[in-house]
Amino acid sequence: IRTAYLQLGFVCLFVLLGALVVAE
């Protein structure tokens, strides 16, 4: 759960670049 919170925070900061990472 703690890891998931951190992951969600990074998604907010890098949402545009994360689209490619998420797709991969």
mmCIF file of all heavy atoms, coordinates in Angstrom:
data_MODEL
# 
_entry.id   MODEL 
# 
loop_
_atom_site.group_PDB 
_atom_site.id 
_atom_site.type_symbol 
_atom_site.label_atom_id 
_atom_site.label_alt_id 
_atom_site.label_comp_id 
_atom_site.label_asym_id 
_atom_site.label_entity_id 
_atom_site.label_seq_id 
_atom_site.pdbx_PDB_ins_code 
_atom_site.Cartn_x 
_atom_site.Cartn_y 
_atom_site.Cartn_z 
_atom_site.occupancy 
_atom_site.B_iso_or_equiv 
_atom_site.pdbx_formal_charge 
_atom_site.auth_seq_id 
_atom_site.auth_comp_id 
_atom_site.auth_asym_id 
_atom_site.auth_atom_id 
_atom_site.pdbx_PDB_model_num 
ATOM 1   N N   . ILE A 1 1  ? 0.841  -1.207 0.000   1.00 0.00 ? 1  ILE A N   1 
ATOM 2   C CA  . ILE A 1 1  ? 0.000  0.000  0.000   1.00 0.00 ? 1  ILE A CA  1 
ATOM 3   C C   . ILE A 1 1  ? 0.872  1.251  0.000   1.00 0.00 ? 1  ILE A C   1 
ATOM 4   O O   . ILE A 1 1  ? 0.619  2.215  -0.743  1.00 0.00 ? 1  ILE A O   1 
ATOM 5   C CB  . ILE A 1 1  ? -0.948 -0.009 1.215   1.00 0.00 ? 1  ILE A CB  1 
ATOM 6   C CG1 . ILE A 1 1  ? -2.016 -1.095 1.036   1.00 0.00 ? 1  ILE A CG1 1 
ATOM 7   C CG2 . ILE A 1 1  ? -1.595 1.361  1.416   1.00 0.00 ? 1  ILE A CG2 1 
ATOM 8   C CD1 . ILE A 1 1  ? -2.918 -1.261 2.215   1.00 0.00 ? 1  ILE A CD1 1 
ATOM 9   N N   . ARG A 1 2  ? 1.919  1.241  0.843   1.00 0.00 ? 2  ARG A N   1 
ATOM 10  C CA  . ARG A 1 2  ? 2.803  2.411  0.874   1.00 0.00 ? 2  ARG A CA  1 
ATOM 11  C C   . ARG A 1 2  ? 3.493  2.597  -0.478  1.00 0.00 ? 2  ARG A C   1 
ATOM 12  O O   . ARG A 1 2  ? 3.631  3.723  -0.964  1.00 0.00 ? 2  ARG A O   1 
ATOM 13  C CB  . ARG A 1 2  ? 3.842  2.239  1.983   1.00 0.00 ? 2  ARG A CB  1 
ATOM 14  C CG  . ARG A 1 2  ? 3.263  2.368  3.385   1.00 0.00 ? 2  ARG A CG  1 
ATOM 15  C CD  . ARG A 1 2  ? 4.366  2.497  4.425   1.00 0.00 ? 2  ARG A CD  1 
ATOM 16  N NE  . ARG A 1 2  ? 5.173  1.277  4.502   1.00 0.00 ? 2  ARG A NE  1 
ATOM 17  C CZ  . ARG A 1 2  ? 4.912  0.274  5.325   1.00 0.00 ? 2  ARG A CZ  1 
ATOM 18  N NH1 . ARG A 1 2  ? 3.833  0.320  6.115   1.00 0.00 ? 2  ARG A NH1 1 
ATOM 19  N NH2 . ARG A 1 2  ? 5.689  -0.783 5.366   1.00 0.00 ? 2  ARG A NH2 1 
ATOM 20  N N   . THR A 1 3  ? 3.897  1.480  -1.071  1.00 0.00 ? 3  THR A N   1 
ATOM 21  C CA  . THR A 1 3  ? 4.515  1.560  -2.393  1.00 0.00 ? 3  THR A CA  1 
ATOM 22  C C   . THR A 1 3  ? 3.529  2.100  -3.421  1.00 0.00 ? 3  THR A C   1 
ATOM 23  O O   . THR A 1 3  ? 3.887  2.910  -4.293  1.00 0.00 ? 3  THR A O   1 
ATOM 24  C CB  . THR A 1 3  ? 5.022  0.175  -2.827  1.00 0.00 ? 3  THR A CB  1 
ATOM 25  O OG1 . THR A 1 3  ? 5.952  -0.299 -1.851  1.00 0.00 ? 3  THR A OG1 1 
ATOM 26  C CG2 . THR A 1 3  ? 5.687  0.229  -4.189  1.00 0.00 ? 3  THR A CG2 1 
ATOM 27  N N   . ALA A 1 4  ? 2.272  1.667  -3.298  1.00 0.00 ? 4  ALA A N   1 
ATOM 28  C CA  . ALA A 1 4  ? 1.255  2.135  -4.243  1.00 0.00 ? 4  ALA A CA  1 
ATOM 29  C C   . ALA A 1 4  ? 1.026  3.640  -4.116  1.00 0.00 ? 4  ALA A C   1 
ATOM 30  O O   . ALA A 1 4  ? 0.840  4.337  -5.128  1.00 0.00 ? 4  ALA A O   1 
ATOM 31  C CB  . ALA A 1 4  ? -0.052 1.380  -4.010  1.00 0.00 ? 4  ALA A CB  1 
ATOM 32  N N   . TYR A 1 5  ? 1.039  4.183  -2.899  1.00 0.00 ? 5  TYR A N   1 
ATOM 33  C CA  . TYR A 1 5  ? 0.894  5.639  -2.715  1.00 0.00 ? 5  TYR A CA  1 
ATOM 34  C C   . TYR A 1 5  ? 2.016  6.380  -3.425  1.00 0.00 ? 5  TYR A C   1 
ATOM 35  O O   . TYR A 1 5  ? 1.784  7.408  -4.088  1.00 0.00 ? 5  TYR A O   1 
ATOM 36  C CB  . TYR A 1 5  ? 0.907  5.986  -1.221  1.00 0.00 ? 5  TYR A CB  1 
ATOM 37  C CG  . TYR A 1 5  ? -0.456 5.929  -0.564  1.00 0.00 ? 5  TYR A CG  1 
ATOM 38  C CD1 . TYR A 1 5  ? -0.773 4.910  0.329   1.00 0.00 ? 5  TYR A CD1 1 
ATOM 39  C CD2 . TYR A 1 5  ? -1.409 6.901  -0.837  1.00 0.00 ? 5  TYR A CD2 1 
ATOM 40  C CE1 . TYR A 1 5  ? -2.014 4.851  0.933   1.00 0.00 ? 5  TYR A CE1 1 
ATOM 41  C CE2 . TYR A 1 5  ? -2.651 6.852  -0.235  1.00 0.00 ? 5  TYR A CE2 1 
ATOM 42  C CZ  . TYR A 1 5  ? -2.952 5.823  0.650   1.00 0.00 ? 5  TYR A CZ  1 
ATOM 43  O OH  . TYR A 1 5  ? -4.183 5.773  1.238   1.00 0.00 ? 5  TYR A OH  1 
ATOM 44  N N   . LEU A 1 6  ? 3.248  5.862  -3.261  1.00 0.00 ? 6  LEU A N   1 
ATOM 45  C CA  . LEU A 1 6  ? 4.367  6.518  -3.925  1.00 0.00 ? 6  LEU A CA  1 
ATOM 46  C C   . LEU A 1 6  ? 4.229  6.439  -5.440  1.00 0.00 ? 6  LEU A C   1 
ATOM 47  O O   . LEU A 1 6  ? 4.502  7.416  -6.155  1.00 0.00 ? 6  LEU A O   1 
ATOM 48  C CB  . LEU A 1 6  ? 5.681  5.852  -3.493  1.00 0.00 ? 6  LEU A CB  1 
ATOM 49  C CG  . LEU A 1 6  ? 6.077  6.045  -2.020  1.00 0.00 ? 6  LEU A CG  1 
ATOM 50  C CD1 . LEU A 1 6  ? 7.326  5.241  -1.703  1.00 0.00 ? 6  LEU A CD1 1 
ATOM 51  C CD2 . LEU A 1 6  ? 6.302  7.525  -1.718  1.00 0.00 ? 6  LEU A CD2 1 
ATOM 52  N N   . GLN A 1 7  ? 3.789  5.288  -5.914  1.00 0.00 ? 7  GLN A N   1 
ATOM 53  C CA  . GLN A 1 7  ? 3.619  5.143  -7.350  1.00 0.00 ? 7  GLN A CA  1 
ATOM 54  C C   . GLN A 1 7  ? 2.571  6.114  -7.887  1.00 0.00 ? 7  GLN A C   1 
ATOM 55  O O   . GLN A 1 7  ? 2.755  6.725  -8.962  1.00 0.00 ? 7  GLN A O   1 
ATOM 56  C CB  . GLN A 1 7  ? 3.211  3.703  -7.685  1.00 0.00 ? 7  GLN A CB  1 
ATOM 57  C CG  . GLN A 1 7  ? 4.326  2.695  -7.455  1.00 0.00 ? 7  GLN A CG  1 
ATOM 58  C CD  . GLN A 1 7  ? 3.842  1.273  -7.639  1.00 0.00 ? 7  GLN A CD  1 
ATOM 59  O OE1 . GLN A 1 7  ? 2.639  1.019  -7.694  1.00 0.00 ? 7  GLN A OE1 1 
ATOM 60  N NE2 . GLN A 1 7  ? 4.786  0.339  -7.736  1.00 0.00 ? 7  GLN A NE2 1 
ATOM 61  N N   . LEU A 1 8  ? 1.488  6.280  -7.161  1.00 0.00 ? 8  LEU A N   1 
ATOM 62  C CA  . LEU A 1 8  ? 0.439  7.196  -7.599  1.00 0.00 ? 8  LEU A CA  1 
ATOM 63  C C   . LEU A 1 8  ? 0.933  8.650  -7.583  1.00 0.00 ? 8  LEU A C   1 
ATOM 64  O O   . LEU A 1 8  ? 0.562  9.463  -8.441  1.00 0.00 ? 8  LEU A O   1 
ATOM 65  C CB  . LEU A 1 8  ? -0.794 7.058  -6.705  1.00 0.00 ? 8  LEU A CB  1 
ATOM 66  C CG  . LEU A 1 8  ? -1.538 5.716  -6.836  1.00 0.00 ? 8  LEU A CG  1 
ATOM 67  C CD1 . LEU A 1 8  ? -2.648 5.639  -5.811  1.00 0.00 ? 8  LEU A CD1 1 
ATOM 68  C CD2 . LEU A 1 8  ? -2.077 5.551  -8.228  1.00 0.00 ? 8  LEU A CD2 1 
ATOM 69  N N   . GLY A 1 9  ? 1.778  8.975  -6.625  1.00 0.00 ? 9  GLY A N   1 
ATOM 70  C CA  . GLY A 1 9  ? 2.330  10.339 -6.600  1.00 0.00 ? 9  GLY A CA  1 
ATOM 71  C C   . GLY A 1 9  ? 3.196  10.609 -7.820  1.00 0.00 ? 9  GLY A C   1 
ATOM 72  O O   . GLY A 1 9  ? 3.135  11.690 -8.415  1.00 0.00 ? 9  GLY A O   1 
ATOM 73  N N   . PHE A 1 10 ? 4.014  9.606  -8.195  1.00 0.00 ? 10 PHE A N   1 
ATOM 74  C CA  . PHE A 1 10 ? 4.847  9.773  -9.384  1.00 0.00 ? 10 PHE A CA  1 
ATOM 75  C C   . PHE A 1 10 ? 4.005  9.864  -10.655 1.00 0.00 ? 10 PHE A C   1 
ATOM 76  O O   . PHE A 1 10 ? 4.366  10.545 -11.606 1.00 0.00 ? 10 PHE A O   1 
ATOM 77  C CB  . PHE A 1 10 ? 5.854  8.632  -9.497  1.00 0.00 ? 10 PHE A CB  1 
ATOM 78  C CG  . PHE A 1 10 ? 7.059  8.797  -8.610  1.00 0.00 ? 10 PHE A CG  1 
ATOM 79  C CD1 . PHE A 1 10 ? 7.256  7.970  -7.520  1.00 0.00 ? 10 PHE A CD1 1 
ATOM 80  C CD2 . PHE A 1 10 ? 7.983  9.799  -8.863  1.00 0.00 ? 10 PHE A CD2 1 
ATOM 81  C CE1 . PHE A 1 10 ? 8.360  8.125  -6.698  1.00 0.00 ? 10 PHE A CE1 1 
ATOM 82  C CE2 . PHE A 1 10 ? 9.088  9.957  -8.052  1.00 0.00 ? 10 PHE A CE2 1 
ATOM 83  C CZ  . PHE A 1 10 ? 9.284  9.126  -6.965  1.00 0.00 ? 10 PHE A CZ  1 
ATOM 84  N N   . VAL A 1 11 ? 2.867  9.162  -10.661 1.00 0.00 ? 11 VAL A N   1 
ATOM 85  C CA  . VAL A 1 11 ? 1.988  9.255  -11.824 1.00 0.00 ? 11 VAL A CA  1 
ATOM 86  C C   . VAL A 1 11 ? 1.476  10.683 -11.992 1.00 0.00 ? 11 VAL A C   1 
ATOM 87  O O   . VAL A 1 11 ? 1.384  11.206 -13.106 1.00 0.00 ? 11 VAL A O   1 
ATOM 88  C CB  . VAL A 1 11 ? 0.815  8.259  -11.686 1.00 0.00 ? 11 VAL A CB  1 
ATOM 89  C CG1 . VAL A 1 11 ? -0.269 8.525  -12.730 1.00 0.00 ? 11 VAL A CG1 1 
ATOM 90  C CG2 . VAL A 1 11 ? 1.326  6.837  -11.831 1.00 0.00 ? 11 VAL A CG2 1 
ATOM 91  N N   . CYS A 1 12 ? 1.158  11.339 -10.868 1.00 0.00 ? 12 CYS A N   1 
ATOM 92  C CA  . CYS A 1 12 ? 0.684  12.732 -10.945 1.00 0.00 ? 12 CYS A CA  1 
ATOM 93  C C   . CYS A 1 12 ? 1.777  13.658 -11.488 1.00 0.00 ? 12 CYS A C   1 
ATOM 94  O O   . CYS A 1 12 ? 1.487  14.585 -12.246 1.00 0.00 ? 12 CYS A O   1 
ATOM 95  C CB  . CYS A 1 12 ? 0.236  13.205 -9.563  1.00 0.00 ? 12 CYS A CB  1 
ATOM 96  S SG  . CYS A 1 12 ? -1.233 12.377 -8.948  1.00 0.00 ? 12 CYS A SG  1 
ATOM 97  N N   . LEU A 1 13 ? 3.022  13.433 -11.101 1.00 0.00 ? 13 LEU A N   1 
ATOM 98  C CA  . LEU A 1 13 ? 4.110  14.308 -11.525 1.00 0.00 ? 13 LEU A CA  1 
ATOM 99  C C   . LEU A 1 13 ? 4.536  14.066 -12.962 1.00 0.00 ? 13 LEU A C   1 
ATOM 100 O O   . LEU A 1 13 ? 4.915  14.980 -13.680 1.00 0.00 ? 13 LEU A O   1 
ATOM 101 C CB  . LEU A 1 13 ? 5.320  14.111 -10.596 1.00 0.00 ? 13 LEU A CB  1 
ATOM 102 C CG  . LEU A 1 13 ? 5.124  14.540 -9.131  1.00 0.00 ? 13 LEU A CG  1 
ATOM 103 C CD1 . LEU A 1 13 ? 6.354  14.188 -8.305  1.00 0.00 ? 13 LEU A CD1 1 
ATOM 104 C CD2 . LEU A 1 13 ? 4.833  16.029 -9.033  1.00 0.00 ? 13 LEU A CD2 1 
ATOM 105 N N   . PHE A 1 14 ? 4.490  12.814 -13.376 1.00 0.00 ? 14 PHE A N   1 
ATOM 106 C CA  . PHE A 1 14 ? 5.004  12.476 -14.708 1.00 0.00 ? 14 PHE A CA  1 
ATOM 107 C C   . PHE A 1 14 ? 3.914  11.838 -15.563 1.00 0.00 ? 14 PHE A C   1 
ATOM 108 O O   . PHE A 1 14 ? 4.116  10.817 -16.214 1.00 0.00 ? 14 PHE A O   1 
ATOM 109 C CB  . PHE A 1 14 ? 6.188  11.505 -14.589 1.00 0.00 ? 14 PHE A CB  1 
ATOM 110 C CG  . PHE A 1 14 ? 7.293  12.017 -13.724 1.00 0.00 ? 14 PHE A CG  1 
ATOM 111 C CD1 . PHE A 1 14 ? 7.462  11.532 -12.443 1.00 0.00 ? 14 PHE A CD1 1 
ATOM 112 C CD2 . PHE A 1 14 ? 8.154  12.997 -14.193 1.00 0.00 ? 14 PHE A CD2 1 
ATOM 113 C CE1 . PHE A 1 14 ? 8.489  12.008 -11.634 1.00 0.00 ? 14 PHE A CE1 1 
ATOM 114 C CE2 . PHE A 1 14 ? 9.181  13.471 -13.391 1.00 0.00 ? 14 PHE A CE2 1 
ATOM 115 C CZ  . PHE A 1 14 ? 9.354  12.983 -12.104 1.00 0.00 ? 14 PHE A CZ  1 
ATOM 116 N N   . VAL A 1 15 ? 2.744  12.438 -15.546 1.00 0.00 ? 15 VAL A N   1 
ATOM 117 C CA  . VAL A 1 15 ? 1.605  11.824 -16.198 1.00 0.00 ? 15 VAL A CA  1 
ATOM 118 C C   . VAL A 1 15 ? 1.780  11.743 -17.708 1.00 0.00 ? 15 VAL A C   1 
ATOM 119 O O   . VAL A 1 15 ? 1.388  10.753 -18.334 1.00 0.00 ? 15 VAL A O   1 
ATOM 120 C CB  . VAL A 1 15 ? 0.312  12.592 -15.839 1.00 0.00 ? 15 VAL A CB  1 
ATOM 121 C CG1 . VAL A 1 15 ? 0.369  14.020 -16.326 1.00 0.00 ? 15 VAL A CG1 1 
ATOM 122 C CG2 . VAL A 1 15 ? -0.905 11.868 -16.379 1.00 0.00 ? 15 VAL A CG2 1 
ATOM 123 N N   . LEU A 1 16 ? 2.391  12.775 -18.328 1.00 0.00 ? 16 LEU A N   1 
ATOM 124 C CA  . LEU A 1 16 ? 2.541  12.749 -19.774 1.00 0.00 ? 16 LEU A CA  1 
ATOM 125 C C   . LEU A 1 16 ? 3.582  11.713 -20.200 1.00 0.00 ? 16 LEU A C   1 
ATOM 126 O O   . LEU A 1 16 ? 3.333  10.889 -21.079 1.00 0.00 ? 16 LEU A O   1 
ATOM 127 C CB  . LEU A 1 16 ? 2.938  14.144 -20.279 1.00 0.00 ? 16 LEU A CB  1 
ATOM 128 C CG  . LEU A 1 16 ? 1.849  15.216 -20.141 1.00 0.00 ? 16 LEU A CG  1 
ATOM 129 C CD1 . LEU A 1 16 ? 2.365  16.565 -20.633 1.00 0.00 ? 16 LEU A CD1 1 
ATOM 130 C CD2 . LEU A 1 16 ? 0.600  14.823 -20.911 1.00 0.00 ? 16 LEU A CD2 1 
ATOM 131 N N   . LEU A 1 17 ? 4.795  11.785 -19.577 1.00 0.00 ? 17 LEU A N   1 
ATOM 132 C CA  . LEU A 1 17 ? 5.813  10.808 -19.918 1.00 0.00 ? 17 LEU A CA  1 
ATOM 133 C C   . LEU A 1 17 ? 5.398  9.399  -19.477 1.00 0.00 ? 17 LEU A C   1 
ATOM 134 O O   . LEU A 1 17 ? 5.774  8.396  -20.104 1.00 0.00 ? 17 LEU A O   1 
ATOM 135 C CB  . LEU A 1 17 ? 7.145  11.180 -19.250 1.00 0.00 ? 17 LEU A CB  1 
ATOM 136 C CG  . LEU A 1 17 ? 7.780  12.494 -19.720 1.00 0.00 ? 17 LEU A CG  1 
ATOM 137 C CD1 . LEU A 1 17 ? 9.049  12.768 -18.922 1.00 0.00 ? 17 LEU A CD1 1 
ATOM 138 C CD2 . LEU A 1 17 ? 8.072  12.436 -21.206 1.00 0.00 ? 17 LEU A CD2 1 
ATOM 139 N N   . GLY A 1 18 ? 4.598  9.354  -18.432 1.00 0.00 ? 18 GLY A N   1 
ATOM 140 C CA  . GLY A 1 18 ? 4.152  8.044  -17.938 1.00 0.00 ? 18 GLY A CA  1 
ATOM 141 C C   . GLY A 1 18 ? 3.243  7.313  -18.885 1.00 0.00 ? 18 GLY A C   1 
ATOM 142 O O   . GLY A 1 18 ? 3.097  6.087  -18.769 1.00 0.00 ? 18 GLY A O   1 
ATOM 143 N N   . ALA A 1 19 ? 2.609  8.047  -19.815 1.00 0.00 ? 19 ALA A N   1 
ATOM 144 C CA  . ALA A 1 19 ? 1.705  7.374  -20.754 1.00 0.00 ? 19 ALA A CA  1 
ATOM 145 C C   . ALA A 1 19 ? 2.461  6.326  -21.565 1.00 0.00 ? 19 ALA A C   1 
ATOM 146 O O   . ALA A 1 19 ? 1.972  5.214  -21.781 1.00 0.00 ? 19 ALA A O   1 
ATOM 147 C CB  . ALA A 1 19 ? 1.058  8.400  -21.677 1.00 0.00 ? 19 ALA A CB  1 
ATOM 148 N N   . LEU A 1 20 ? 3.678  6.692  -22.024 1.00 0.00 ? 20 LEU A N   1 
ATOM 149 C CA  . LEU A 1 20 ? 4.470  5.727  -22.776 1.00 0.00 ? 20 LEU A CA  1 
ATOM 150 C C   . LEU A 1 20 ? 4.904  4.549  -21.896 1.00 0.00 ? 20 LEU A C   1 
ATOM 151 O O   . LEU A 1 20 ? 4.875  3.390  -22.317 1.00 0.00 ? 20 LEU A O   1 
ATOM 152 C CB  . LEU A 1 20 ? 5.698  6.421  -23.377 1.00 0.00 ? 20 LEU A CB  1 
ATOM 153 C CG  . LEU A 1 20 ? 5.410  7.506  -24.425 1.00 0.00 ? 20 LEU A CG  1 
ATOM 154 C CD1 . LEU A 1 20 ? 6.712  8.173  -24.851 1.00 0.00 ? 20 LEU A CD1 1 
ATOM 155 C CD2 . LEU A 1 20 ? 4.695  6.900  -25.614 1.00 0.00 ? 20 LEU A CD2 1 
ATOM 156 N N   . VAL A 1 21 ? 5.313  4.855  -20.670 1.00 0.00 ? 21 VAL A N   1 
ATOM 157 C CA  . VAL A 1 21 ? 5.763  3.802  -19.756 1.00 0.00 ? 21 VAL A CA  1 
ATOM 158 C C   . VAL A 1 21 ? 4.616  2.862  -19.421 1.00 0.00 ? 21 VAL A C   1 
ATOM 159 O O   . VAL A 1 21 ? 4.761  1.631  -19.389 1.00 0.00 ? 21 VAL A O   1 
ATOM 160 C CB  . VAL A 1 21 ? 6.363  4.419  -18.477 1.00 0.00 ? 21 VAL A CB  1 
ATOM 161 C CG1 . VAL A 1 21 ? 6.753  3.328  -17.485 1.00 0.00 ? 21 VAL A CG1 1 
ATOM 162 C CG2 . VAL A 1 21 ? 7.554  5.282  -18.827 1.00 0.00 ? 21 VAL A CG2 1 
ATOM 163 N N   . VAL A 1 22 ? 3.437  3.465  -19.175 1.00 0.00 ? 22 VAL A N   1 
ATOM 164 C CA  . VAL A 1 22 ? 2.275  2.648  -18.839 1.00 0.00 ? 22 VAL A CA  1 
ATOM 165 C C   . VAL A 1 22 ? 1.899  1.747  -20.008 1.00 0.00 ? 22 VAL A C   1 
ATOM 166 O O   . VAL A 1 22 ? 1.567  0.569  -19.834 1.00 0.00 ? 22 VAL A O   1 
ATOM 167 C CB  . VAL A 1 22 ? 1.092  3.546  -18.427 1.00 0.00 ? 22 VAL A CB  1 
ATOM 168 C CG1 . VAL A 1 22 ? -0.192 2.741  -18.339 1.00 0.00 ? 22 VAL A CG1 1 
ATOM 169 C CG2 . VAL A 1 22 ? 1.377  4.190  -17.083 1.00 0.00 ? 22 VAL A CG2 1 
ATOM 170 N N   . ALA A 1 23 ? 1.924  2.334  -21.220 1.00 0.00 ? 23 ALA A N   1 
ATOM 171 C CA  . ALA A 1 23 ? 1.601  1.521  -22.386 1.00 0.00 ? 23 ALA A CA  1 
ATOM 172 C C   . ALA A 1 23 ? 2.577  0.345  -22.504 1.00 0.00 ? 23 ALA A C   1 
ATOM 173 O O   . ALA A 1 23 ? 2.173  -0.784 -22.812 1.00 0.00 ? 23 ALA A O   1 
ATOM 174 C CB  . ALA A 1 23 ? 1.650  2.377  -23.645 1.00 0.00 ? 23 ALA A CB  1 
ATOM 175 N N   . GLU A 1 24 ? 3.865  0.621  -22.261 1.00 0.00 ? 24 GLU A N   1 
ATOM 176 C CA  . GLU A 1 24 ? 4.863  -0.452 -22.335 1.00 0.00 ? 24 GLU A CA  1 
ATOM 177 C C   . GLU A 1 24 ? 4.617  -1.514 -21.265 1.00 0.00 ? 24 GLU A C   1 
ATOM 178 O O   . GLU A 1 24 ? 4.698  -2.717 -21.525 1.00 0.00 ? 24 GLU A O   1 
ATOM 179 C CB  . GLU A 1 24 ? 6.266  0.146  -22.170 1.00 0.00 ? 24 GLU A CB  1 
ATOM 180 C CG  . GLU A 1 24 ? 7.400  -0.872 -22.122 1.00 0.00 ? 24 GLU A CG  1 
ATOM 181 C CD  . GLU A 1 24 ? 7.634  -1.543 -23.454 1.00 0.00 ? 24 GLU A CD  1 
ATOM 182 O OE1 . GLU A 1 24 ? 7.219  -0.976 -24.505 1.00 0.00 ? 24 GLU A OE1 1 
ATOM 183 O OE2 . GLU A 1 24 ? 8.209  -2.640 -23.462 1.00 0.00 ? 24 GLU A OE2 1 
# 
